[in-house]
Every structure is written in C-alpha cells, then in structure tokens.
Protein backbone atom coordinates (compact mmCIF):
# COMPACT_ATOMS: atom_id res chain seq x y z
CA MET A 1 -0.01 -0.01 0.06
CA LEU A 2 2.84 2.39 0.92
CA ALA A 3 4.41 1.82 -2.57
CA GLY A 4 1.07 2.74 -4.25
CA GLU A 5 0.42 -0.68 -5.58
CA GLN A 6 -3.25 -0.45 -4.44
CA GLY A 7 -3.76 3.04 -5.52
CA PRO A 8 -2.99 6.56 -4.45
CA ALA A 9 -5.82 6.78 -1.69
CA ALA A 10 -4.56 3.59 -0.03
CA ALA A 11 -0.96 4.92 -0.21
CA LEU A 12 -1.97 8.23 1.45
CA SER A 13 -3.99 6.42 4.01
CA MET A 14 -1.33 3.96 4.95
CA ARG A 15 1.23 6.81 5.23
CA ILE A 16 -1.10 8.32 7.83
CA ILE A 17 -1.61 5.02 9.78
CA THR A 18 2.16 4.15 9.80
CA GLU A 19 3.11 7.64 10.95
CA LEU A 20 0.51 7.45 13.77
CA GLY A 21 2.10 4.03 14.69
CA ARG A 22 5.49 5.59 14.65
CA ILE A 23 4.40 8.34 16.93
CA ARG A 24 2.61 5.94 19.33
CA GLY A 25 5.61 3.48 19.42
CA ALA A 26 3.67 0.65 17.89
CA GLU A 27 5.91 -2.29 16.59
CA ARG A 28 3.18 -3.49 14.10
CA LEU A 29 -0.22 -3.02 12.69
CA VAL A 30 -3.40 -4.97 13.35
CA GLU A 31 -6.09 -5.92 10.84
CA VAL A 32 -9.44 -4.28 12.01
CA ASP A 33 -12.90 -5.79 11.66
CA SER A 34 -14.81 -2.58 11.32
CA VAL A 35 -14.31 1.15 11.49
CA HIS A 36 -16.68 3.90 12.76
CA ILE A 37 -16.10 7.46 11.24
CA ASP A 38 -16.30 10.53 13.26
CA GLY A 39 -14.86 12.85 10.54
CA CYS A 40 -18.25 13.28 8.87
CA ILE A 41 -19.33 16.25 10.89
CA PHE A 42 -18.60 19.53 9.08
CA TYR A 43 -16.32 21.53 11.22
CA GLY A 44 -14.79 23.57 8.36
CA GLN A 45 -13.43 23.37 4.87
CA ALA A 46 -10.26 21.26 5.70
CA GLY A 47 -12.44 18.19 6.64
CA LEU A 48 -14.42 18.40 3.36
CA ASP A 49 -11.34 18.96 1.22
CA PHE A 50 -9.62 15.85 2.85
CA ALA A 51 -12.66 13.57 2.18
CA GLN A 52 -13.21 14.84 -1.38
CA LYS A 53 -9.40 14.28 -2.18
CA LEU A 54 -9.82 10.65 -1.05
CA VAL A 55 -12.79 10.34 -3.41
CA GLU A 56 -10.80 11.95 -6.24
CA LEU A 57 -8.01 9.46 -5.56
CA GLY A 58 -10.40 6.56 -5.91
CA GLY A 59 -10.57 5.64 -2.21
CA GLN A 60 -12.98 2.87 -1.15
CA VAL A 61 -13.28 1.40 2.41
CA ARG A 62 -12.22 -2.24 2.63
CA VAL A 63 -13.90 -3.22 5.92
CA PRO A 64 -17.47 -2.55 7.14
CA THR A 65 -17.59 1.06 8.03
CA THR A 66 -20.43 2.97 9.76
CA VAL A 67 -20.66 6.77 9.92
CA ASN A 68 -21.33 9.04 12.85
CA VAL A 69 -23.85 11.89 12.94
CA GLY A 70 -23.33 14.52 10.32
CA SER A 71 -24.30 18.16 10.35
CA VAL A 72 -27.66 17.79 8.57
CA ASP A 73 -30.75 15.67 9.05
CA LEU A 74 -30.94 14.29 5.48
CA ILE A 75 -34.44 12.77 6.21
CA HIS A 76 -35.80 16.07 7.78
CA PRO A 77 -33.76 18.83 6.21
CA HIS A 78 -36.32 21.48 7.19
CA LEU A 79 -35.16 21.04 10.82
CA ILE A 80 -31.81 22.53 10.07
CA LEU A 81 -31.88 26.31 10.55
CA GLN A 82 -30.42 28.27 7.69
CA ASN A 83 -31.18 31.85 8.80
CA THR A 84 -27.67 33.14 8.52
CA ASP A 85 -24.97 32.86 5.97
CA TYR A 86 -22.85 30.70 8.37
CA GLU A 87 -25.82 28.32 8.98
CA LYS A 88 -26.26 28.10 5.23
CA TRP A 89 -22.58 27.38 4.76
CA VAL A 90 -22.60 24.61 7.38
CA ALA A 91 -25.70 23.07 5.89
CA GLN A 92 -24.29 22.82 2.42
CA GLY A 93 -20.76 21.77 3.66
CA GLY A 94 -22.46 19.13 5.88
CA ARG A 95 -24.39 17.69 2.91
CA ASP A 96 -21.31 17.59 0.68
CA LEU A 97 -19.19 16.01 3.46
CA MET A 98 -21.74 13.27 4.18
CA GLN A 99 -21.90 12.54 0.39
CA ALA A 100 -18.26 12.22 0.26
CA TYR A 101 -18.27 9.45 2.83
CA VAL A 102 -20.90 7.69 0.99
CA ASP A 103 -18.90 7.84 -2.20
CA LEU A 104 -16.07 6.28 -0.20
CA GLY A 105 -18.27 3.24 0.53
CA CYS A 106 -19.43 3.93 3.96
CA ARG A 107 -22.84 2.71 5.29
CA GLN A 108 -25.35 5.43 5.76
CA THR A 109 -25.92 4.80 9.42
CA TRP A 110 -25.32 8.48 10.55
CA THR A 111 -25.45 7.53 14.25
CA CYS A 112 -23.05 7.99 17.21
CA ALA A 113 -24.32 4.69 18.56
CA PRO A 114 -23.67 2.06 15.83
CA TYR A 115 -23.51 -0.53 18.62
CA GLN A 116 -27.23 -0.40 19.00
CA MET A 117 -28.25 -2.06 15.83
CA ASP A 118 -25.69 -1.51 13.15
CA SER A 119 -22.35 -2.99 14.39
CA ARG A 120 -21.65 -5.23 17.35
CA PRO A 121 -18.00 -6.45 17.32
CA GLY A 122 -17.20 -9.24 19.55
CA VAL A 123 -15.05 -9.50 22.60
CA GLY A 124 -11.40 -9.14 21.80
CA ARG A 125 -11.91 -8.07 18.17
CA HIS A 126 -9.74 -5.26 16.94
CA ILE A 127 -11.65 -2.40 15.45
CA ALA A 128 -10.81 1.32 14.68
CA TRP A 129 -13.63 3.40 16.05
CA ALA A 130 -13.82 7.18 16.34
CA GLU A 131 -16.44 9.31 18.30
CA SER A 132 -15.82 9.25 22.02
CA ASN A 133 -18.96 7.47 23.22
CA ALA A 134 -18.68 4.84 20.60
CA ILE A 135 -15.08 4.16 21.48
CA VAL A 136 -15.82 3.74 25.19
CA PHE A 137 -18.86 1.65 24.69
CA ALA A 138 -17.02 -0.70 22.37
CA ASN A 139 -14.08 -1.12 24.73
CA SER A 140 -15.99 -1.40 27.97
CA VAL A 141 -19.47 -3.01 27.29
CA LEU A 142 -18.66 -5.02 24.09
CA GLY A 143 -15.09 -5.82 25.09
CA ALA A 144 -13.86 -5.09 21.50
CA ARG A 145 -10.53 -3.27 21.27
CA THR A 146 -10.04 0.22 19.74
CA ASP A 147 -7.80 3.00 20.67
CA ARG A 148 -8.81 6.62 20.56
CA TYR A 149 -9.10 7.45 16.79
CA GLY A 150 -10.24 10.78 15.44
CA ASP A 151 -10.93 12.55 12.20
CA PHE A 152 -8.75 11.45 9.16
CA ILE A 153 -7.25 8.54 11.10
CA ASP A 154 -10.69 6.87 11.10
CA ILE A 155 -11.13 6.92 7.23
CA ALA A 156 -7.52 6.01 6.71
CA ALA A 157 -8.03 2.89 8.81
CA ALA A 158 -11.21 2.11 6.88
CA ILE A 159 -9.37 2.38 3.53
CA THR A 160 -6.33 0.28 4.71
CA GLY A 161 -8.15 -2.10 7.05
CA ARG A 162 -5.25 -1.59 9.56
CA ALA A 163 -4.53 0.29 12.68
CA PRO A 164 -1.41 0.64 14.88
CA CYS A 165 -1.10 -2.03 17.52
CA GLY A 166 -0.78 0.25 20.47
CA GLY A 167 -2.84 1.82 23.28
CA LEU A 168 -6.09 0.03 24.09
CA HIS A 169 -5.35 -2.72 21.51
CA LEU A 170 -2.89 -4.10 24.10
CA ASP A 171 -3.69 -6.17 27.16
CA ALA A 172 -1.54 -4.18 29.43
CA GLU A 173 -3.25 -0.83 28.61
CA ARG A 174 -6.70 -2.19 29.42
CA TYR A 175 -6.40 -2.86 33.17
CA GLY A 176 -8.06 -0.52 35.67
CA ASP A 177 -6.17 2.45 37.09
CA VAL A 178 -8.59 3.79 39.75
CA ILE A 179 -11.62 2.42 41.63
CA LEU A 180 -14.90 4.15 42.03
CA ASP A 181 -16.56 2.59 45.06
CA CYS A 182 -20.39 2.88 44.72
CA THR A 183 -21.35 0.37 47.47
CA GLY A 184 -22.60 3.19 49.69
CA LEU A 185 -25.32 4.23 47.21
CA SER A 186 -28.82 3.21 48.10
CA PRO A 187 -31.04 0.94 45.94
CA GLU A 188 -33.28 3.99 45.18
CA THR A 189 -30.31 5.93 43.79
CA LEU A 190 -29.06 3.01 41.72
CA ALA A 191 -32.56 2.71 40.27
CA GLN A 192 -32.64 6.28 39.01
CA ASP A 193 -31.78 6.71 35.22
CA VAL A 194 -29.99 9.96 35.79
CA THR A 195 -27.65 8.40 38.36
CA TYR A 196 -25.64 6.85 35.37
CA PRO A 197 -24.74 10.04 33.43
CA VAL A 198 -23.80 11.75 36.68
CA LEU A 199 -21.56 8.81 37.62
CA GLY A 200 -19.95 9.01 34.28
CA TYR A 201 -19.40 12.73 34.67
CA LEU A 202 -17.62 12.04 38.09
CA ALA A 203 -15.64 9.21 36.53
CA GLY A 204 -14.25 11.46 33.84
CA ALA A 205 -13.37 14.20 36.23
CA ILE A 206 -11.60 11.56 38.51
CA ALA A 207 -10.00 9.40 35.95
CA GLY A 208 -9.05 11.78 33.27
CA THR A 209 -7.85 9.51 30.45
CA THR A 210 -7.16 6.46 32.59
CA ASN A 211 -9.47 3.49 33.12
CA PRO A 212 -11.94 3.62 36.04
CA VAL A 213 -13.41 0.60 37.69
CA PHE A 214 -16.75 0.74 39.25
CA VAL A 215 -17.54 -1.41 42.23
CA GLY A 216 -21.07 -1.80 43.76
CA LEU A 217 -23.21 -1.27 40.59
CA PRO A 218 -26.08 -3.69 39.95
CA ALA A 219 -25.00 -6.85 38.03
CA ASP A 220 -27.97 -6.32 35.71
CA VAL A 221 -27.34 -2.59 34.88
CA SER A 222 -28.64 -2.00 31.51
CA GLU A 223 -26.72 -1.17 28.39
CA ASP A 224 -28.51 2.12 28.06
CA SER A 225 -27.24 3.01 31.65
CA LEU A 226 -23.68 1.89 30.69
CA LYS A 227 -23.88 3.86 27.55
CA ALA A 228 -24.75 7.02 29.73
CA VAL A 229 -21.84 6.37 31.94
CA GLY A 230 -19.41 6.07 29.11
CA ALA A 231 -20.64 9.10 27.16
CA ALA A 232 -20.38 11.39 30.15
CA ALA A 233 -16.99 9.98 31.28
CA ALA A 234 -15.55 10.54 27.72
CA SER A 235 -16.92 14.10 27.69
CA SER A 236 -15.82 15.36 31.17
CA GLY A 237 -12.57 13.48 30.94
CA GLY A 238 -11.06 11.37 28.20
CA VAL A 239 -12.19 7.94 29.39
CA ALA A 240 -12.03 5.36 26.56
CA LEU A 241 -12.46 2.27 28.72
CA PHE A 242 -14.22 1.58 32.08
CA HIS A 243 -15.00 -1.61 33.92
CA VAL A 244 -17.99 -2.51 35.97
CA VAL A 245 -17.12 -5.37 38.31
CA GLY A 246 -19.60 -8.32 37.71
CA ARG A 247 -21.08 -6.78 34.57
CA THR A 248 -18.61 -5.83 31.84
CA PRO A 249 -16.82 -8.61 29.99
CA GLU A 250 -13.24 -7.95 31.17
CA ALA A 251 -14.22 -7.51 34.78
CA PRO A 252 -15.70 -10.72 36.25
CA THR A 253 -13.82 -9.85 39.41
CA LEU A 254 -12.04 -6.78 40.72
CA GLU A 255 -8.78 -8.67 40.35
CA ALA A 256 -9.37 -9.45 36.83
CA ALA A 257 -10.21 -5.70 36.12
CA LEU A 258 -7.08 -4.41 37.73
CA GLY A 259 -4.73 -7.01 36.33
CA THR A 260 -1.14 -6.11 37.07
CA ASN A 261 -2.06 -2.84 38.65
CA VAL A 262 -1.89 -2.78 42.41
CA ASP A 263 -2.46 -0.21 45.12
CA VAL A 264 -4.64 1.85 42.87
CA PRO A 265 -6.52 4.82 44.34
CA VAL A 266 -10.08 4.40 45.68
CA HIS A 267 -12.75 7.04 45.52
CA HIS A 268 -15.92 6.56 47.45
CA ILE A 269 -18.90 7.86 45.52
CA THR A 270 -21.69 9.21 47.97
CA ALA A 271 -25.12 10.59 47.28
CA GLN A 272 -23.73 14.12 48.26
CA ARG A 273 -21.11 13.83 45.57
CA LEU A 274 -23.82 12.86 43.04
CA ASN A 275 -26.04 15.69 43.96
CA ALA A 276 -23.26 18.12 43.78
CA ALA A 277 -22.17 16.94 40.42
CA ARG A 278 -25.66 17.01 38.99
CA GLN A 279 -26.09 20.58 40.13
CA GLU A 280 -22.71 21.43 38.62
CA LEU A 281 -23.94 20.26 35.18
CA SER A 282 -27.32 22.10 35.59
CA THR A 283 -26.69 25.74 34.60
CA ALA A 284 -30.25 26.91 34.30
CA ARG A 285 -31.48 29.71 36.63
CA GLU A 286 -34.87 30.19 35.11
CA ASP A 287 -38.01 28.18 35.62
CA LYS A 288 -39.43 28.72 32.22
CA LEU A 289 -38.83 25.68 30.11
CA ASP A 290 -38.16 26.06 26.27
CA ALA A 291 -37.20 22.51 25.20
CA VAL A 292 -36.46 18.96 26.15
CA SER A 293 -33.68 17.04 24.23
CA LEU A 294 -33.21 13.29 24.61
CA GLY A 295 -31.02 11.04 22.78
CA THR A 296 -27.40 11.96 23.25
CA PRO A 297 -25.91 9.52 22.55
CA HIS A 298 -28.71 8.48 20.10
CA ALA A 299 -31.78 6.94 21.77
CA SER A 300 -32.17 3.27 21.73
CA VAL A 301 -35.43 1.44 21.03
CA ASP A 302 -35.83 0.85 24.71
CA GLU A 303 -35.27 4.65 25.46
CA ILE A 304 -37.90 5.59 22.96
CA GLN A 305 -40.35 3.11 24.54
CA GLU A 306 -39.56 4.75 27.87
CA ALA A 307 -40.26 8.20 26.52
CA TYR A 308 -43.63 6.72 25.06
CA ASP A 309 -44.53 5.35 28.40
CA ALA A 310 -43.78 8.68 30.11
CA VAL A 311 -45.87 10.93 27.92
CA ILE A 312 -48.51 9.04 25.92
CA GLY A 313 -51.89 8.95 27.89
CA GLY A 314 -50.78 11.81 30.03
CA PRO A 315 -51.17 15.57 29.80
CA PRO A 316 -50.37 17.29 26.47
CA LEU A 317 -47.13 19.11 25.67
CA ALA A 318 -47.28 22.60 26.88
CA GLU A 319 -47.57 25.40 24.44
CA GLY A 320 -44.16 26.93 23.41
CA VAL A 321 -42.10 23.79 24.55
CA ALA A 322 -40.20 21.82 21.89
CA PHE A 323 -39.47 18.08 22.66
CA TYR A 324 -36.72 16.41 20.67
CA ILE A 325 -35.56 12.80 20.44
CA SER A 326 -32.31 12.23 18.45
CA THR A 327 -31.84 8.70 17.21
CA GLY A 328 -30.31 6.70 14.31
CA ARG A 329 -32.07 5.50 11.28
CA SER A 330 -32.16 1.78 12.06
CA VAL A 331 -33.42 2.45 15.51
CA PHE A 332 -36.04 4.82 14.16
CA ALA A 333 -37.16 2.22 11.77
CA GLU A 334 -37.56 -0.45 14.49
CA ALA A 335 -39.48 2.11 16.69
CA GLU A 336 -41.81 2.80 13.81
CA ARG A 337 -42.33 -1.01 13.39
CA ARG A 338 -43.36 -1.17 17.04
CA GLY A 339 -45.86 1.59 16.65
CA LEU A 340 -44.01 4.01 18.89
CA VAL A 341 -43.26 6.87 16.45
CA ALA A 342 -46.58 8.12 15.26
CA PRO A 343 -48.16 8.60 18.67
CA LEU A 344 -45.10 10.43 19.90
CA GLN A 345 -45.12 12.67 16.93
CA ASP A 346 -48.81 13.28 17.42
CA TRP A 347 -48.12 14.29 21.03
CA GLY A 348 -45.49 16.72 19.92
CA VAL A 349 -42.16 14.97 19.68
CA THR A 350 -39.71 15.96 16.91
CA PHE A 351 -37.51 13.12 15.92
CA VAL A 352 -34.03 14.16 14.84
CA LEU A 353 -32.05 11.78 12.60
CA ASP A 354 -28.56 11.75 11.08
CA THR A 355 -27.45 14.48 13.44
CA CYS A 356 -27.90 15.69 17.04
CA THR A 357 -29.37 18.89 18.64
CA TYR A 358 -26.09 19.95 20.26
CA VAL A 359 -23.96 19.80 17.07
CA THR A 360 -26.12 21.68 14.59
CA SER A 361 -28.69 24.53 14.50
CA ILE A 362 -31.95 22.87 15.23
CA LEU A 363 -33.11 24.50 18.49
CA ARG A 364 -35.66 27.29 17.92
CA PRO A 365 -34.27 30.81 17.92
CA GLY A 366 -34.69 32.21 21.46
CA THR A 367 -34.40 28.88 23.19
CA ARG A 368 -32.71 29.54 26.62
CA THR A 369 -33.48 26.73 29.07
CA VAL A 370 -33.38 23.00 27.94
CA MET A 371 -33.87 19.85 30.10
CA THR A 372 -32.12 16.69 29.18
CA ASN A 373 -31.32 13.23 30.76
CA SER A 374 -27.89 13.13 28.98
CA GLY A 375 -24.73 13.95 30.86
CA LYS A 376 -22.97 14.51 27.44
CA TRP A 377 -25.60 16.94 26.20
CA ALA A 378 -25.56 18.78 29.50
CA HIS A 379 -21.74 19.09 29.34
CA TYR A 380 -21.53 20.37 25.72
CA ALA A 381 -24.71 22.25 24.92
CA PRO A 382 -24.14 25.33 27.00
CA GLY A 383 -20.92 26.05 25.10
CA ASN A 384 -21.98 24.71 21.76
CA MET A 385 -25.48 26.14 21.61
CA GLY A 386 -25.45 29.04 24.19
CA VAL A 387 -28.32 27.56 26.16
CA ASP A 388 -28.75 26.73 29.82
CA VAL A 389 -29.52 23.22 30.90
CA VAL A 390 -30.95 21.03 33.52
CA LEU A 391 -29.86 17.34 33.88
CA ALA A 392 -32.99 15.52 34.98
CA THR A 393 -34.67 12.15 35.04
CA LEU A 394 -36.88 11.16 32.08
CA GLN A 395 -39.85 11.59 34.28
CA GLU A 396 -38.86 15.13 35.34
CA CYS A 397 -38.26 15.93 31.60
CA ALA A 398 -41.79 14.62 30.80
CA GLU A 399 -43.46 16.31 33.67
CA SER A 400 -41.82 19.64 33.02
CA ALA A 401 -42.64 19.49 29.29
CA THR A 402 -46.34 19.36 30.01
CA THR A 403 -46.16 22.34 32.51
CA GLY A 404 -43.78 24.53 30.64
CA ARG A 405 -41.88 24.93 33.95
CA VAL A 406 -38.67 23.38 35.19
CA THR A 407 -39.44 20.84 37.83
CA TRP A 408 -36.60 18.75 39.42
CA ASN A 409 -35.44 17.50 42.73
CA ARG A 410 -32.01 19.05 43.44
CA ASP A 411 -31.43 16.48 46.13
CA LEU A 412 -32.71 13.42 44.31
CA PHE A 413 -29.91 10.99 45.30
CA THR A 414 -29.91 9.44 48.78
C-alpha cells in the first residue's frame, strides 16, 4: 500500500496510519474488523477537502464502515436552521461532506451509537472506531479493542483495514487504574436513570484519560445506563475504557479488572457527591422551560419506549415547549415498526435523525433553557448552543414538558 500498488488513496491512508504508529511507538499493525467514522461532521473546509481528495484518488473502504452523525438531518432537512450565511454554509458543507463518505463506500448509518443495531463487534476483536462514546462503549461494554481514533485517522483505517497495534489494543493498557466505590449508594439511587450520566461525569473528572473501575453497581445494569456512563466519562474526561465489576466482559472480578495494577486509588462515591455533580452540570437559573432534548448518545429503542410510556396517555405538551428525540435511522425504523413513532409525533415529539441537537442549528431561535437526561448533552450544549441546561430524570423531563416549567429534585440522590 505504501508503494502505491493499491492506488493513491490507499498509499496516502497507509502513510497516515504508519506515521501514527511511529508516534505511538507501535511495533506492528493490526487488521481491524470494522471502522466507525467521526470525521463526517462538518467543522470547516479542511475536513471536506480531505474527504473529497480521497474520493478523487479513488478511495474505497475495505472493511465494514459505519458513519457518525453529520451536520444535517438528510431525512428531515427542514429541521436545520439556515437563517444566517454561516448556517447556510454549514448546511451545504455538511451535505457535501456526508456525500463524500457515501462515495467512499461507508454505510449510511449516521449515528453516534452504531453498537445499538448496526455494528456489534465481539469480545477481543480489533476495530478502529472514532467518536468518544462509541469508543468507550465498544471497549467497555462489548469488550472489543479500539484506541482513541479521530478525524482523518478513522477513514485512513477504513481504506487500509489496518490500525497501529498500540494503546487500548494491548492487554496491558486495558487494566483499571482507579476504583470508584459505589457500594454506599442506596438501591433507590441506583434505580434512577439520571444516576448513570452523573456517575460518568464524576468518573471522567476523577480518571481523566485512565481506566476507572466501578464497584457496587447492579449486576444487571442496562446497556443504556452503561452507555450513559461512558458518554459522560468521555466528555468530562477522556475515558475510553471503564470496567463494572460483575457486569462488563473484562471485569468478572475486581482482580481481573485491575490485572497487574496494584495499590490503585479508591474514590468513594456518595449521594452528596452525586447531587453536587448534577447541580454542577445544571446551569439553568430560570423556571421557564423552552425545550427537552433526549438521545445524546442516540436513543435506543428501549429509551424511545420509555419516552412513550412517560408521555402518551398523560397531559399534552405545553405550548411553546419543543421536545426532541435524536436517534439513528435503524433504531427509528424499529421504533416505527413497534408503533411508537406516530403517537409520539402526534403528542409533539420531533425526531431528529442523522445528526444531534447539540452539534447543529436545530433548537428554535430564542431557546434559553433545555432539560435533558444526557450528561454528554448537558456538558457540551451550553458552550456549543449558548443555552442553559438542567440534567434531569426522564420523568422530570416529561412532567416539565407538560407544564412549561422546570421541575426537578435538586437532592434526588440518597
């Protein structure tokens, strides 16, 4: 490939992969089973130029390759605001960039959560995934092996089918570095959906880019809760792998999770720490509610069912409140098949596909206060979208959406 025998796109891509390997100190490359592309979000001209250059050079992916959210909802283009020259530029650039990745042979998944229905690599399989929540979920919950890959590296791995054998591809890099002891939390706290994004937020703040190990969480904690932990931990810190003793595949015991690491620090997670962290993430100071945003990472079918159960048959959506659920195409299709979508839309839910409400201009002009059950959305949206946020349970989001007033228990955890 380096010699150009498989075309100029493969040669360029392999130069990128081998140079990354040199920087990381990798001694060899590994073949990867799949790739997830993060570089399809339009952040500027350089990303578009790079993708279109690969197309011009005849590039084609050689392993199954899914794509992250883009900057446009291609199914519902009317949702993307184009009131300013900048918004128009992003919308057009976003469409062009998404098309370039289609031309390179990627599957049109347009989701940050390909692990839900589109790609489920097995334990121990080497992959090259980008997008922080996808990386941490694949490593932690699925037990697959990917290092932290980002824009340009991801498509280079897809075109070559290779990645440097370093970082979290290696056994020694996957052991736990710090223990988060949750044994003091009450069953009531552990049953709350919002507990898990807050735990993830704390894990990121404590662990940084190292591997936290959770002790004391339920053995049957759901994938959606683990998804929330990982997404928040990757946002507040740089966590790419966590272990839950008794639940995740590489942590049947604490000893297995820690491996060769001994005398690691222990942090005791209390209800007081959880309440303080949740309030830290909640920046809103006004009671008037403008919007609810669910699905960051993209909502699963189970989470759409939970939203259905929370609002259908109850009070109507308050006037002036927008209610968004972001999800992927394959999950949306399954939710439609189950009869969940139409009633939710009739109630007032706006489904957002192919993108997410915190990365592009979807929120109505004048939106100031938004409730969410996502730690990742709460962490990023104030800076990205200029809004204030309340991190709440799904039930609190649903109740507030029907009254138009923010209602939440600031001391929820006990």
